[in-house]
N, C-alpha and C. Protein backbone atom coordinates (compact mmCIF):
# COMPACT_ATOMS: atom_id res chain seq x y z
N UNK A 1 -137.36 -206.36 -66.04
CA UNK A 1 -138.64 -205.73 -66.35
C UNK A 1 -138.43 -204.63 -67.39
N UNK A 2 -139.32 -204.57 -68.35
CA UNK A 2 -139.15 -203.61 -69.44
C UNK A 2 -139.32 -202.17 -68.96
N UNK A 3 -140.37 -201.90 -68.21
CA UNK A 3 -140.66 -200.52 -67.81
C UNK A 3 -140.62 -200.37 -66.29
N UNK A 4 -140.27 -199.18 -65.84
CA UNK A 4 -140.17 -198.91 -64.40
C UNK A 4 -140.96 -197.66 -64.04
N UNK A 5 -141.40 -197.60 -62.79
CA UNK A 5 -142.07 -196.40 -62.29
C UNK A 5 -141.04 -195.28 -62.19
N UNK A 6 -141.27 -194.14 -62.86
CA UNK A 6 -140.29 -193.04 -62.77
C UNK A 6 -140.35 -192.39 -61.38
N UNK A 7 -139.19 -191.99 -60.90
CA UNK A 7 -139.15 -191.28 -59.62
C UNK A 7 -139.60 -189.83 -59.83
N UNK A 8 -140.26 -189.28 -58.84
CA UNK A 8 -140.65 -187.88 -58.91
C UNK A 8 -139.46 -187.00 -58.56
N UNK A 9 -139.42 -185.80 -59.11
CA UNK A 9 -138.32 -184.87 -58.80
C UNK A 9 -138.70 -183.93 -57.67
N UNK A 10 -139.86 -184.19 -57.04
CA UNK A 10 -140.33 -183.37 -55.93
C UNK A 10 -141.06 -184.29 -54.96
N UNK A 11 -141.28 -183.82 -53.74
CA UNK A 11 -141.96 -184.63 -52.72
C UNK A 11 -143.46 -184.68 -52.98
N UNK A 12 -144.11 -185.68 -52.39
CA UNK A 12 -145.55 -185.83 -52.57
C UNK A 12 -146.33 -184.60 -52.08
N UNK A 13 -145.79 -183.89 -51.09
CA UNK A 13 -146.51 -182.73 -50.55
C UNK A 13 -146.13 -181.42 -51.25
N UNK A 14 -145.28 -181.50 -52.27
CA UNK A 14 -144.71 -180.28 -52.89
C UNK A 14 -145.73 -179.46 -53.68
N UNK A 15 -146.83 -180.09 -54.08
CA UNK A 15 -147.81 -179.39 -54.92
C UNK A 15 -149.00 -178.86 -54.11
N UNK A 16 -148.93 -179.04 -52.79
CA UNK A 16 -150.01 -178.52 -51.95
C UNK A 16 -150.01 -177.00 -51.97
N UNK A 17 -151.17 -176.35 -51.78
CA UNK A 17 -152.49 -176.94 -51.48
C UNK A 17 -153.26 -177.37 -52.72
N UNK A 18 -152.68 -177.20 -53.88
CA UNK A 18 -153.42 -177.43 -55.13
C UNK A 18 -153.69 -178.92 -55.36
N UNK A 19 -152.67 -179.74 -55.15
CA UNK A 19 -152.84 -181.20 -55.22
C UNK A 19 -152.25 -181.77 -53.94
N UNK A 20 -153.07 -182.46 -53.17
CA UNK A 20 -152.67 -182.87 -51.83
C UNK A 20 -151.71 -184.06 -51.84
N UNK A 21 -150.93 -184.16 -50.79
CA UNK A 21 -149.88 -185.19 -50.67
C UNK A 21 -150.45 -186.60 -50.73
N UNK A 22 -151.58 -186.83 -50.08
CA UNK A 22 -152.17 -188.18 -50.05
C UNK A 22 -152.56 -188.62 -51.46
N UNK A 23 -153.19 -187.71 -52.20
CA UNK A 23 -153.57 -188.02 -53.59
C UNK A 23 -152.32 -188.33 -54.41
N UNK A 24 -151.29 -187.49 -54.28
CA UNK A 24 -150.06 -187.71 -55.05
C UNK A 24 -149.43 -189.05 -54.72
N UNK A 25 -149.39 -189.37 -53.44
CA UNK A 25 -148.75 -190.64 -53.03
C UNK A 25 -149.49 -191.85 -53.59
N UNK A 26 -150.81 -191.85 -53.45
CA UNK A 26 -151.61 -192.97 -53.96
C UNK A 26 -151.54 -193.02 -55.49
N UNK A 27 -151.64 -191.86 -56.11
CA UNK A 27 -151.65 -191.76 -57.57
C UNK A 27 -150.34 -192.29 -58.16
N UNK A 28 -149.23 -191.88 -57.59
CA UNK A 28 -147.92 -192.29 -58.10
C UNK A 28 -147.56 -193.70 -57.67
N UNK A 29 -147.57 -193.97 -56.38
CA UNK A 29 -147.03 -195.24 -55.87
C UNK A 29 -147.97 -196.42 -56.05
N UNK A 30 -149.27 -196.15 -56.18
CA UNK A 30 -150.24 -197.24 -56.35
C UNK A 30 -150.78 -197.32 -57.78
N UNK A 31 -151.42 -196.24 -58.23
CA UNK A 31 -152.04 -196.28 -59.57
C UNK A 31 -151.00 -196.43 -60.68
N UNK A 32 -150.01 -195.52 -60.70
CA UNK A 32 -149.02 -195.59 -61.78
C UNK A 32 -148.21 -196.89 -61.67
N UNK A 33 -147.86 -197.30 -60.47
CA UNK A 33 -147.12 -198.55 -60.30
C UNK A 33 -147.92 -199.73 -60.87
N UNK A 34 -149.22 -199.72 -60.66
CA UNK A 34 -150.06 -200.81 -61.18
C UNK A 34 -150.04 -200.83 -62.71
N UNK A 35 -150.08 -199.65 -63.34
CA UNK A 35 -150.00 -199.61 -64.81
C UNK A 35 -148.68 -200.20 -65.30
N UNK A 36 -147.59 -199.86 -64.62
CA UNK A 36 -146.26 -200.36 -65.01
C UNK A 36 -146.21 -201.88 -64.85
N UNK A 37 -146.65 -202.37 -63.70
CA UNK A 37 -146.63 -203.82 -63.43
C UNK A 37 -147.47 -204.58 -64.44
N UNK A 38 -148.68 -204.07 -64.69
CA UNK A 38 -149.60 -204.75 -65.61
C UNK A 38 -149.14 -204.65 -67.06
N UNK A 39 -148.49 -203.55 -67.42
CA UNK A 39 -147.93 -203.41 -68.77
C UNK A 39 -146.82 -204.44 -68.97
N UNK A 40 -145.92 -204.52 -68.00
CA UNK A 40 -144.82 -205.48 -68.11
C UNK A 40 -145.34 -206.91 -68.22
N UNK A 41 -146.37 -207.24 -67.47
CA UNK A 41 -146.97 -208.58 -67.54
C UNK A 41 -147.60 -208.82 -68.91
N UNK A 42 -148.24 -207.77 -69.45
CA UNK A 42 -148.96 -207.90 -70.72
C UNK A 42 -148.02 -208.07 -71.91
N UNK A 43 -146.80 -207.52 -71.82
CA UNK A 43 -145.87 -207.61 -72.96
C UNK A 43 -144.77 -208.65 -72.75
N UNK A 44 -144.79 -209.32 -71.61
CA UNK A 44 -143.74 -210.31 -71.30
C UNK A 44 -143.64 -211.35 -72.42
N UNK A 45 -142.42 -211.55 -72.90
CA UNK A 45 -142.18 -212.56 -73.93
C UNK A 45 -142.58 -212.14 -75.34
N UNK A 46 -142.96 -210.89 -75.52
CA UNK A 46 -143.33 -210.41 -76.87
C UNK A 46 -142.30 -209.39 -77.36
N UNK A 47 -142.38 -209.06 -78.64
CA UNK A 47 -141.45 -208.08 -79.24
C UNK A 47 -141.58 -206.70 -78.60
N UNK A 48 -142.76 -206.43 -78.01
CA UNK A 48 -143.00 -205.11 -77.41
C UNK A 48 -142.02 -204.82 -76.27
N UNK A 49 -141.44 -205.86 -75.70
CA UNK A 49 -140.48 -205.66 -74.61
C UNK A 49 -139.28 -204.82 -75.05
N UNK A 50 -138.99 -204.86 -76.36
CA UNK A 50 -137.82 -204.14 -76.88
C UNK A 50 -138.16 -202.71 -77.32
N UNK A 51 -139.45 -202.37 -77.30
CA UNK A 51 -139.88 -201.08 -77.84
C UNK A 51 -140.00 -200.00 -76.77
N UNK A 52 -139.94 -198.74 -77.20
CA UNK A 52 -140.20 -197.62 -76.30
C UNK A 52 -141.71 -197.53 -76.09
N UNK A 53 -142.11 -196.87 -75.01
CA UNK A 53 -143.54 -196.72 -74.75
C UNK A 53 -144.20 -195.88 -75.85
N UNK A 54 -143.44 -194.94 -76.42
CA UNK A 54 -143.97 -194.12 -77.52
C UNK A 54 -144.29 -194.99 -78.74
N UNK A 55 -143.37 -195.91 -79.07
CA UNK A 55 -143.59 -196.78 -80.23
C UNK A 55 -144.76 -197.73 -80.01
N UNK A 56 -144.90 -198.20 -78.78
CA UNK A 56 -146.05 -199.06 -78.46
C UNK A 56 -147.35 -198.28 -78.66
N UNK A 57 -147.39 -197.04 -78.13
CA UNK A 57 -148.60 -196.23 -78.26
C UNK A 57 -148.95 -195.95 -79.72
N UNK A 58 -147.94 -195.65 -80.52
CA UNK A 58 -148.18 -195.29 -81.92
C UNK A 58 -148.81 -196.42 -82.73
N UNK A 59 -148.58 -197.67 -82.27
CA UNK A 59 -149.15 -198.83 -82.98
C UNK A 59 -150.08 -199.62 -82.06
N UNK A 60 -150.79 -198.91 -81.20
CA UNK A 60 -151.54 -199.58 -80.12
C UNK A 60 -152.63 -200.51 -80.63
N UNK A 61 -153.14 -200.25 -81.84
CA UNK A 61 -154.22 -201.10 -82.37
C UNK A 61 -153.75 -202.54 -82.62
N UNK A 62 -152.43 -202.76 -82.65
CA UNK A 62 -151.90 -204.12 -82.86
C UNK A 62 -151.89 -204.94 -81.57
N UNK A 63 -152.11 -204.28 -80.44
CA UNK A 63 -151.92 -204.94 -79.15
C UNK A 63 -153.23 -205.22 -78.43
N UNK A 64 -153.20 -206.17 -77.49
CA UNK A 64 -154.40 -206.45 -76.68
C UNK A 64 -154.79 -205.24 -75.82
N UNK A 65 -156.03 -205.23 -75.35
CA UNK A 65 -156.53 -204.11 -74.55
C UNK A 65 -155.70 -203.88 -73.29
N UNK A 66 -155.14 -204.93 -72.72
CA UNK A 66 -154.31 -204.76 -71.51
C UNK A 66 -153.10 -203.88 -71.78
N UNK A 67 -152.54 -203.98 -72.99
CA UNK A 67 -151.39 -203.14 -73.36
C UNK A 67 -151.86 -201.71 -73.60
N UNK A 68 -153.01 -201.58 -74.25
CA UNK A 68 -153.55 -200.23 -74.51
C UNK A 68 -153.84 -199.50 -73.19
N UNK A 69 -154.53 -200.16 -72.29
CA UNK A 69 -154.90 -199.50 -71.03
C UNK A 69 -153.69 -199.20 -70.15
N UNK A 70 -152.82 -200.17 -69.99
CA UNK A 70 -151.69 -200.01 -69.07
C UNK A 70 -150.52 -199.28 -69.71
N UNK A 71 -150.33 -199.48 -71.02
CA UNK A 71 -149.30 -198.72 -71.73
C UNK A 71 -149.66 -197.24 -71.77
N UNK A 72 -150.93 -196.97 -72.05
CA UNK A 72 -151.40 -195.58 -72.01
C UNK A 72 -151.28 -195.00 -70.62
N UNK A 73 -151.65 -195.80 -69.62
CA UNK A 73 -151.55 -195.34 -68.24
C UNK A 73 -150.13 -194.99 -67.86
N UNK A 74 -149.17 -195.79 -68.32
CA UNK A 74 -147.77 -195.51 -68.01
C UNK A 74 -147.27 -194.27 -68.74
N UNK A 75 -147.52 -194.20 -70.03
CA UNK A 75 -147.07 -193.03 -70.81
C UNK A 75 -147.67 -191.73 -70.27
N UNK A 76 -149.00 -191.75 -70.07
CA UNK A 76 -149.70 -190.53 -69.65
C UNK A 76 -149.21 -190.03 -68.30
N UNK A 77 -149.06 -190.94 -67.35
CA UNK A 77 -148.63 -190.53 -66.02
C UNK A 77 -147.16 -190.11 -65.99
N UNK A 78 -146.33 -190.79 -66.76
CA UNK A 78 -144.90 -190.42 -66.81
C UNK A 78 -144.76 -188.97 -67.29
N UNK A 79 -145.61 -188.57 -68.25
CA UNK A 79 -145.60 -187.17 -68.69
C UNK A 79 -146.20 -186.26 -67.62
N UNK A 80 -147.31 -186.69 -67.04
CA UNK A 80 -148.05 -185.88 -66.07
C UNK A 80 -147.17 -185.41 -64.92
N UNK A 81 -146.35 -186.30 -64.38
CA UNK A 81 -145.49 -185.91 -63.25
C UNK A 81 -144.49 -184.84 -63.65
N UNK A 82 -144.03 -184.87 -64.89
CA UNK A 82 -142.99 -183.91 -65.31
C UNK A 82 -143.55 -182.53 -65.64
N UNK A 83 -144.83 -182.48 -66.02
CA UNK A 83 -145.37 -181.16 -66.41
C UNK A 83 -145.99 -180.44 -65.21
N UNK A 84 -145.76 -181.00 -64.01
CA UNK A 84 -146.13 -180.29 -62.79
C UNK A 84 -144.88 -180.06 -61.95
N UNK A 85 -144.90 -178.98 -61.17
CA UNK A 85 -143.75 -178.67 -60.32
C UNK A 85 -144.20 -177.74 -59.19
N UNK A 86 -143.48 -177.77 -58.06
CA UNK A 86 -143.76 -176.79 -57.01
C UNK A 86 -143.36 -175.39 -57.47
N UNK A 87 -143.98 -174.39 -56.90
CA UNK A 87 -143.68 -172.98 -57.24
C UNK A 87 -143.74 -172.74 -58.76
N UNK A 88 -144.72 -173.35 -59.39
CA UNK A 88 -144.86 -173.25 -60.85
C UNK A 88 -146.10 -172.42 -61.18
N UNK A 89 -146.70 -172.72 -62.31
CA UNK A 89 -147.88 -171.97 -62.73
C UNK A 89 -147.51 -170.73 -63.53
N UNK A 90 -148.34 -169.73 -63.45
CA UNK A 90 -148.09 -168.51 -64.24
C UNK A 90 -148.44 -168.74 -65.70
N UNK A 91 -147.69 -168.11 -66.58
CA UNK A 91 -147.94 -168.24 -68.02
C UNK A 91 -146.66 -168.63 -68.74
N UNK A 92 -146.79 -169.31 -69.86
CA UNK A 92 -145.61 -169.65 -70.64
C UNK A 92 -144.99 -168.41 -71.27
N UNK A 93 -143.76 -168.52 -71.71
CA UNK A 93 -143.08 -167.41 -72.39
C UNK A 93 -142.50 -167.93 -73.71
N UNK A 94 -141.87 -167.06 -74.44
CA UNK A 94 -141.14 -167.46 -75.65
C UNK A 94 -142.01 -168.04 -76.75
N UNK A 95 -141.44 -169.02 -77.46
CA UNK A 95 -142.10 -169.61 -78.63
C UNK A 95 -143.46 -170.23 -78.29
N UNK A 96 -143.53 -170.89 -77.13
CA UNK A 96 -144.78 -171.53 -76.74
C UNK A 96 -145.88 -170.49 -76.53
N UNK A 97 -145.54 -169.41 -75.84
CA UNK A 97 -146.52 -168.34 -75.61
C UNK A 97 -146.99 -167.76 -76.94
N UNK A 98 -146.07 -167.55 -77.86
CA UNK A 98 -146.42 -167.02 -79.19
C UNK A 98 -147.35 -167.96 -79.93
N UNK A 99 -147.05 -169.26 -79.85
CA UNK A 99 -147.87 -170.25 -80.55
C UNK A 99 -149.26 -170.34 -79.95
N UNK A 100 -149.35 -170.23 -78.62
CA UNK A 100 -150.66 -170.24 -77.95
C UNK A 100 -151.48 -169.03 -78.38
N UNK A 101 -150.85 -167.86 -78.40
CA UNK A 101 -151.56 -166.64 -78.83
C UNK A 101 -152.00 -166.73 -80.28
N UNK A 102 -151.14 -167.30 -81.11
CA UNK A 102 -151.44 -167.43 -82.54
C UNK A 102 -152.62 -168.38 -82.76
N UNK A 103 -152.62 -169.50 -82.03
CA UNK A 103 -153.65 -170.51 -82.23
C UNK A 103 -154.98 -170.15 -81.58
N UNK A 104 -154.91 -169.67 -80.33
CA UNK A 104 -156.13 -169.48 -79.55
C UNK A 104 -156.55 -168.01 -79.39
N UNK A 105 -155.68 -167.10 -79.81
CA UNK A 105 -155.99 -165.69 -79.68
C UNK A 105 -155.44 -165.06 -78.42
N UNK A 106 -155.40 -165.86 -77.34
CA UNK A 106 -154.84 -165.38 -76.07
C UNK A 106 -154.62 -166.57 -75.15
N UNK A 107 -153.80 -166.37 -74.13
CA UNK A 107 -153.60 -167.41 -73.13
C UNK A 107 -154.91 -167.70 -72.39
N UNK A 108 -155.67 -166.66 -72.13
CA UNK A 108 -156.95 -166.79 -71.45
C UNK A 108 -157.93 -167.68 -72.24
N UNK A 109 -157.96 -167.50 -73.54
CA UNK A 109 -158.85 -168.32 -74.38
C UNK A 109 -158.36 -169.76 -74.43
N UNK A 110 -157.04 -169.95 -74.46
CA UNK A 110 -156.49 -171.32 -74.39
C UNK A 110 -156.93 -171.99 -73.10
N UNK A 111 -156.82 -171.27 -71.96
CA UNK A 111 -157.22 -171.83 -70.67
C UNK A 111 -158.68 -172.25 -70.68
N UNK A 112 -159.51 -171.43 -71.29
CA UNK A 112 -160.94 -171.73 -71.37
C UNK A 112 -161.18 -173.01 -72.17
N UNK A 113 -160.52 -173.13 -73.32
CA UNK A 113 -160.72 -174.31 -74.18
C UNK A 113 -160.17 -175.58 -73.52
N UNK A 114 -159.01 -175.46 -72.87
CA UNK A 114 -158.39 -176.62 -72.22
C UNK A 114 -159.25 -177.06 -71.04
N UNK A 115 -159.69 -176.10 -70.23
CA UNK A 115 -160.53 -176.42 -69.07
C UNK A 115 -161.84 -177.05 -69.51
N UNK A 116 -162.39 -176.57 -70.62
CA UNK A 116 -163.63 -177.13 -71.15
C UNK A 116 -163.44 -178.57 -71.62
N UNK A 117 -162.30 -178.84 -72.28
CA UNK A 117 -162.01 -180.21 -72.72
C UNK A 117 -161.89 -181.15 -71.52
N UNK A 118 -161.30 -180.63 -70.43
CA UNK A 118 -161.14 -181.44 -69.21
C UNK A 118 -162.47 -181.65 -68.51
N UNK A 119 -163.28 -180.61 -68.45
CA UNK A 119 -164.55 -180.67 -67.72
C UNK A 119 -165.60 -181.51 -68.44
N UNK A 120 -165.54 -181.51 -69.77
CA UNK A 120 -166.59 -182.18 -70.54
C UNK A 120 -166.21 -183.60 -70.97
N UNK A 121 -164.99 -184.05 -70.64
CA UNK A 121 -164.63 -185.45 -70.94
C UNK A 121 -165.49 -186.34 -70.04
N UNK A 122 -166.40 -187.09 -70.64
CA UNK A 122 -167.34 -187.90 -69.85
C UNK A 122 -166.60 -189.07 -69.21
N UNK A 123 -166.91 -189.33 -67.94
CA UNK A 123 -166.28 -190.44 -67.24
C UNK A 123 -164.81 -190.15 -66.99
N UNK A 124 -163.97 -191.14 -67.27
CA UNK A 124 -162.54 -191.00 -67.01
C UNK A 124 -161.78 -190.69 -68.29
N UNK A 125 -160.69 -189.95 -68.15
CA UNK A 125 -159.87 -189.66 -69.33
C UNK A 125 -158.89 -188.54 -69.08
N UNK A 126 -158.47 -187.91 -70.16
CA UNK A 126 -157.44 -186.87 -70.12
C UNK A 126 -157.80 -185.74 -71.07
N UNK A 127 -157.34 -184.54 -70.75
CA UNK A 127 -157.39 -183.42 -71.71
C UNK A 127 -155.95 -183.08 -72.06
N UNK A 128 -155.74 -182.64 -73.30
CA UNK A 128 -154.38 -182.48 -73.83
C UNK A 128 -154.21 -181.17 -74.59
N UNK A 129 -152.98 -180.67 -74.55
CA UNK A 129 -152.50 -179.69 -75.52
C UNK A 129 -151.50 -180.46 -76.37
N UNK A 130 -151.72 -180.47 -77.67
CA UNK A 130 -150.87 -181.27 -78.56
C UNK A 130 -150.31 -180.42 -79.69
N UNK A 131 -149.28 -180.95 -80.33
CA UNK A 131 -148.79 -180.39 -81.59
C UNK A 131 -149.27 -181.32 -82.70
N UNK A 132 -150.07 -180.76 -83.59
CA UNK A 132 -150.64 -181.53 -84.70
C UNK A 132 -150.29 -180.80 -85.99
N UNK A 133 -149.53 -181.46 -86.86
CA UNK A 133 -149.09 -180.83 -88.12
C UNK A 133 -148.41 -179.49 -87.87
N UNK A 134 -147.59 -179.43 -86.82
CA UNK A 134 -146.82 -178.23 -86.52
C UNK A 134 -147.58 -177.14 -85.77
N UNK A 135 -148.89 -177.36 -85.57
CA UNK A 135 -149.73 -176.36 -84.89
C UNK A 135 -150.25 -176.92 -83.56
N UNK A 136 -150.63 -176.01 -82.67
CA UNK A 136 -151.20 -176.44 -81.40
C UNK A 136 -152.68 -176.77 -81.55
N UNK A 137 -153.16 -177.70 -80.72
CA UNK A 137 -154.58 -178.03 -80.67
C UNK A 137 -154.91 -178.58 -79.28
N UNK A 138 -156.15 -178.42 -78.87
CA UNK A 138 -156.64 -178.98 -77.62
C UNK A 138 -157.58 -180.13 -77.96
N UNK A 139 -157.47 -181.23 -77.20
CA UNK A 139 -158.36 -182.36 -77.41
C UNK A 139 -158.47 -183.14 -76.10
N UNK A 140 -159.27 -184.19 -76.10
CA UNK A 140 -159.34 -185.07 -74.93
C UNK A 140 -159.45 -186.51 -75.41
N UNK A 141 -159.12 -187.43 -74.51
CA UNK A 141 -159.17 -188.86 -74.83
C UNK A 141 -159.85 -189.60 -73.68
N UNK A 142 -160.51 -190.73 -73.99
CA UNK A 142 -161.13 -191.52 -72.93
C UNK A 142 -160.11 -192.42 -72.23
N UNK A 143 -160.44 -192.82 -71.02
CA UNK A 143 -159.67 -193.82 -70.28
C UNK A 143 -158.18 -193.46 -70.22
N UNK A 144 -157.29 -194.39 -70.62
CA UNK A 144 -155.86 -194.08 -70.64
C UNK A 144 -155.34 -193.93 -72.07
N UNK A 145 -156.22 -193.62 -73.00
CA UNK A 145 -155.77 -193.34 -74.37
C UNK A 145 -155.02 -192.01 -74.39
N UNK A 146 -154.26 -191.78 -75.45
CA UNK A 146 -153.59 -190.50 -75.65
C UNK A 146 -153.47 -190.21 -77.14
N UNK A 147 -153.15 -188.97 -77.50
CA UNK A 147 -153.13 -188.58 -78.92
C UNK A 147 -152.03 -189.22 -79.75
N UNK A 148 -151.06 -189.88 -79.11
CA UNK A 148 -150.04 -190.61 -79.87
C UNK A 148 -150.61 -191.86 -80.51
N UNK A 149 -151.67 -192.38 -79.92
CA UNK A 149 -152.19 -193.68 -80.35
C UNK A 149 -152.84 -193.63 -81.73
N UNK A 150 -152.66 -194.70 -82.49
CA UNK A 150 -153.24 -194.75 -83.83
C UNK A 150 -154.76 -194.87 -83.79
N UNK A 151 -155.33 -195.09 -82.60
CA UNK A 151 -156.79 -195.17 -82.47
C UNK A 151 -157.39 -193.83 -82.03
N UNK A 152 -156.55 -192.83 -81.76
CA UNK A 152 -157.04 -191.55 -81.23
C UNK A 152 -157.88 -190.80 -82.26
N UNK A 153 -158.93 -190.15 -81.78
CA UNK A 153 -159.80 -189.34 -82.63
C UNK A 153 -159.02 -188.16 -83.21
N UNK A 154 -158.23 -187.51 -82.34
CA UNK A 154 -157.35 -186.41 -82.77
C UNK A 154 -155.92 -186.84 -82.46
N UNK A 155 -155.09 -186.95 -83.51
CA UNK A 155 -153.73 -187.44 -83.32
C UNK A 155 -152.73 -186.28 -83.27
N UNK A 156 -151.68 -186.47 -82.48
CA UNK A 156 -150.65 -185.45 -82.37
C UNK A 156 -149.68 -185.81 -81.28
N UNK A 157 -148.73 -184.92 -81.05
CA UNK A 157 -147.72 -185.13 -80.00
C UNK A 157 -148.15 -184.37 -78.75
N UNK A 158 -148.45 -185.08 -77.66
CA UNK A 158 -148.88 -184.41 -76.44
C UNK A 158 -147.74 -183.61 -75.82
N UNK A 159 -148.03 -182.37 -75.40
CA UNK A 159 -147.01 -181.58 -74.70
C UNK A 159 -147.47 -181.17 -73.30
N UNK A 160 -148.80 -181.26 -73.06
CA UNK A 160 -149.37 -180.97 -71.75
C UNK A 160 -150.62 -181.82 -71.60
N UNK A 161 -150.79 -182.45 -70.46
CA UNK A 161 -151.99 -183.25 -70.23
C UNK A 161 -152.46 -183.14 -68.80
N UNK A 162 -153.76 -183.26 -68.60
CA UNK A 162 -154.32 -183.31 -67.25
C UNK A 162 -155.15 -184.58 -67.10
N UNK A 163 -154.90 -185.28 -66.02
CA UNK A 163 -155.61 -186.51 -65.69
C UNK A 163 -156.94 -186.12 -65.06
N UNK A 164 -158.05 -186.50 -65.68
CA UNK A 164 -159.35 -186.22 -65.08
C UNK A 164 -160.07 -187.49 -64.62
N UNK A 165 -159.30 -188.56 -64.38
CA UNK A 165 -159.85 -189.70 -63.66
C UNK A 165 -160.13 -189.24 -62.24
N UNK A 166 -161.15 -189.79 -61.61
CA UNK A 166 -161.46 -189.38 -60.24
C UNK A 166 -160.31 -189.64 -59.27
N UNK A 167 -159.49 -190.66 -59.55
CA UNK A 167 -158.39 -190.94 -58.61
C UNK A 167 -157.38 -189.78 -58.55
N UNK A 168 -157.41 -188.90 -59.55
CA UNK A 168 -156.47 -187.77 -59.59
C UNK A 168 -156.89 -186.62 -58.68
N UNK A 169 -158.16 -186.62 -58.25
CA UNK A 169 -158.61 -185.45 -57.50
C UNK A 169 -159.65 -185.70 -56.42
N UNK A 170 -160.21 -186.91 -56.34
CA UNK A 170 -161.41 -187.10 -55.53
C UNK A 170 -161.22 -186.90 -54.03
N UNK A 171 -160.06 -187.28 -53.50
CA UNK A 171 -159.83 -187.13 -52.06
C UNK A 171 -159.97 -185.68 -51.61
N UNK A 172 -159.52 -184.77 -52.45
CA UNK A 172 -159.51 -183.36 -52.11
C UNK A 172 -160.70 -182.59 -52.68
N UNK A 173 -161.08 -182.91 -53.91
CA UNK A 173 -162.09 -182.12 -54.61
C UNK A 173 -163.44 -182.83 -54.77
N UNK A 174 -163.52 -184.10 -54.38
CA UNK A 174 -164.75 -184.89 -54.54
C UNK A 174 -165.27 -184.76 -55.98
N UNK A 175 -166.50 -184.35 -56.14
CA UNK A 175 -167.08 -184.30 -57.49
C UNK A 175 -166.85 -182.95 -58.18
N UNK A 176 -165.99 -182.10 -57.60
CA UNK A 176 -165.78 -180.76 -58.15
C UNK A 176 -164.60 -180.76 -59.13
N UNK A 177 -164.77 -181.45 -60.23
CA UNK A 177 -163.69 -181.53 -61.21
C UNK A 177 -163.23 -180.15 -61.70
N UNK A 178 -164.15 -179.21 -61.98
CA UNK A 178 -163.68 -177.89 -62.44
C UNK A 178 -162.77 -177.18 -61.42
N UNK A 179 -162.99 -177.42 -60.13
CA UNK A 179 -162.12 -176.81 -59.11
C UNK A 179 -160.70 -177.38 -59.19
N UNK A 180 -160.63 -178.69 -59.42
CA UNK A 180 -159.33 -179.36 -59.59
C UNK A 180 -158.63 -178.83 -60.85
N UNK A 181 -159.38 -178.70 -61.93
CA UNK A 181 -158.80 -178.17 -63.18
C UNK A 181 -158.30 -176.75 -62.96
N UNK A 182 -159.07 -175.96 -62.21
CA UNK A 182 -158.66 -174.60 -61.89
C UNK A 182 -157.37 -174.56 -61.08
N UNK A 183 -157.24 -175.48 -60.14
CA UNK A 183 -156.05 -175.54 -59.29
C UNK A 183 -154.82 -175.98 -60.08
N UNK A 184 -155.04 -176.80 -61.11
CA UNK A 184 -153.95 -177.34 -61.93
C UNK A 184 -153.09 -176.24 -62.56
N UNK A 185 -153.70 -175.10 -62.88
CA UNK A 185 -152.93 -174.00 -63.49
C UNK A 185 -151.82 -173.50 -62.58
N UNK A 186 -151.96 -173.74 -61.28
CA UNK A 186 -150.96 -173.26 -60.32
C UNK A 186 -149.73 -174.17 -60.22
N UNK A 187 -149.80 -175.35 -60.83
CA UNK A 187 -148.67 -176.29 -60.71
C UNK A 187 -148.06 -176.66 -62.06
N UNK A 188 -148.53 -176.04 -63.15
CA UNK A 188 -147.97 -176.39 -64.47
C UNK A 188 -146.53 -175.90 -64.58
N UNK A 189 -145.67 -176.81 -64.98
CA UNK A 189 -144.25 -176.53 -65.20
C UNK A 189 -144.08 -176.10 -66.66
N UNK A 190 -144.24 -174.80 -66.92
CA UNK A 190 -144.23 -174.32 -68.30
C UNK A 190 -142.88 -174.51 -68.99
N UNK A 191 -141.80 -174.56 -68.21
CA UNK A 191 -140.48 -174.82 -68.82
C UNK A 191 -140.45 -176.20 -69.47
N UNK A 192 -141.06 -177.18 -68.78
CA UNK A 192 -141.11 -178.54 -69.33
C UNK A 192 -142.05 -178.60 -70.53
N UNK A 193 -143.18 -177.92 -70.42
CA UNK A 193 -144.13 -177.91 -71.54
C UNK A 193 -143.48 -177.27 -72.78
N UNK A 194 -142.72 -176.20 -72.54
CA UNK A 194 -142.00 -175.53 -73.65
C UNK A 194 -140.97 -176.46 -74.27
N UNK A 195 -140.28 -177.24 -73.43
CA UNK A 195 -139.30 -178.22 -73.94
C UNK A 195 -140.02 -179.30 -74.75
N UNK A 196 -141.19 -179.73 -74.28
CA UNK A 196 -141.99 -180.72 -75.02
C UNK A 196 -142.43 -180.15 -76.36
N UNK A 197 -142.79 -178.86 -76.36
CA UNK A 197 -143.23 -178.18 -77.58
C UNK A 197 -142.10 -178.14 -78.61
N UNK A 198 -140.92 -177.77 -78.13
CA UNK A 198 -139.74 -177.70 -79.00
C UNK A 198 -139.43 -179.07 -79.61
N UNK A 199 -139.49 -180.10 -78.78
CA UNK A 199 -139.20 -181.46 -79.25
C UNK A 199 -140.27 -181.96 -80.24
N UNK A 200 -141.52 -181.58 -79.99
CA UNK A 200 -142.62 -182.05 -80.84
C UNK A 200 -142.61 -181.40 -82.21
N UNK A 201 -142.09 -180.18 -82.28
CA UNK A 201 -142.05 -179.46 -83.55
C UNK A 201 -141.00 -180.03 -84.48
């Protein structure tokens, strides 16, 4: 099989009370696993089997919708698990903090813009912090699209993303998406986001 479900570096209950164990277990073991299985089925016997998920995303317009949906689902979730951690949250430091202040004026203003992108994404999708032309930007994408894709409205290298599909929060937050977005700040692994920022630059 070309792609595999990545193992988490923490337990399903490690992000409680912000993200509950049941949601994490279903989200990782069922939803993400389904994207991996369906992606592998969609690319079986094609040249895409030899490519990285990043390369597939960058040329997604060449592929059938099954590859776009499931490839995006795999890439997005593989990043999502790494940018969360137990005993995390707070604020970034170093170069990333400087870049956030430079771009948005303050960390508080960045939080407002990011939360707004997450709250106003209609239906299902993601909100992102990306590096675009060496600078930070906030954007959102529908469904399982991401800013790496050649079809994205705003293109760039994602360094932080939040899943705003209902499966990411509904068991605990029901229709209160802003509450889930608010809780997300408590589990962001800023060390990983900073590493993503460094790599994207």
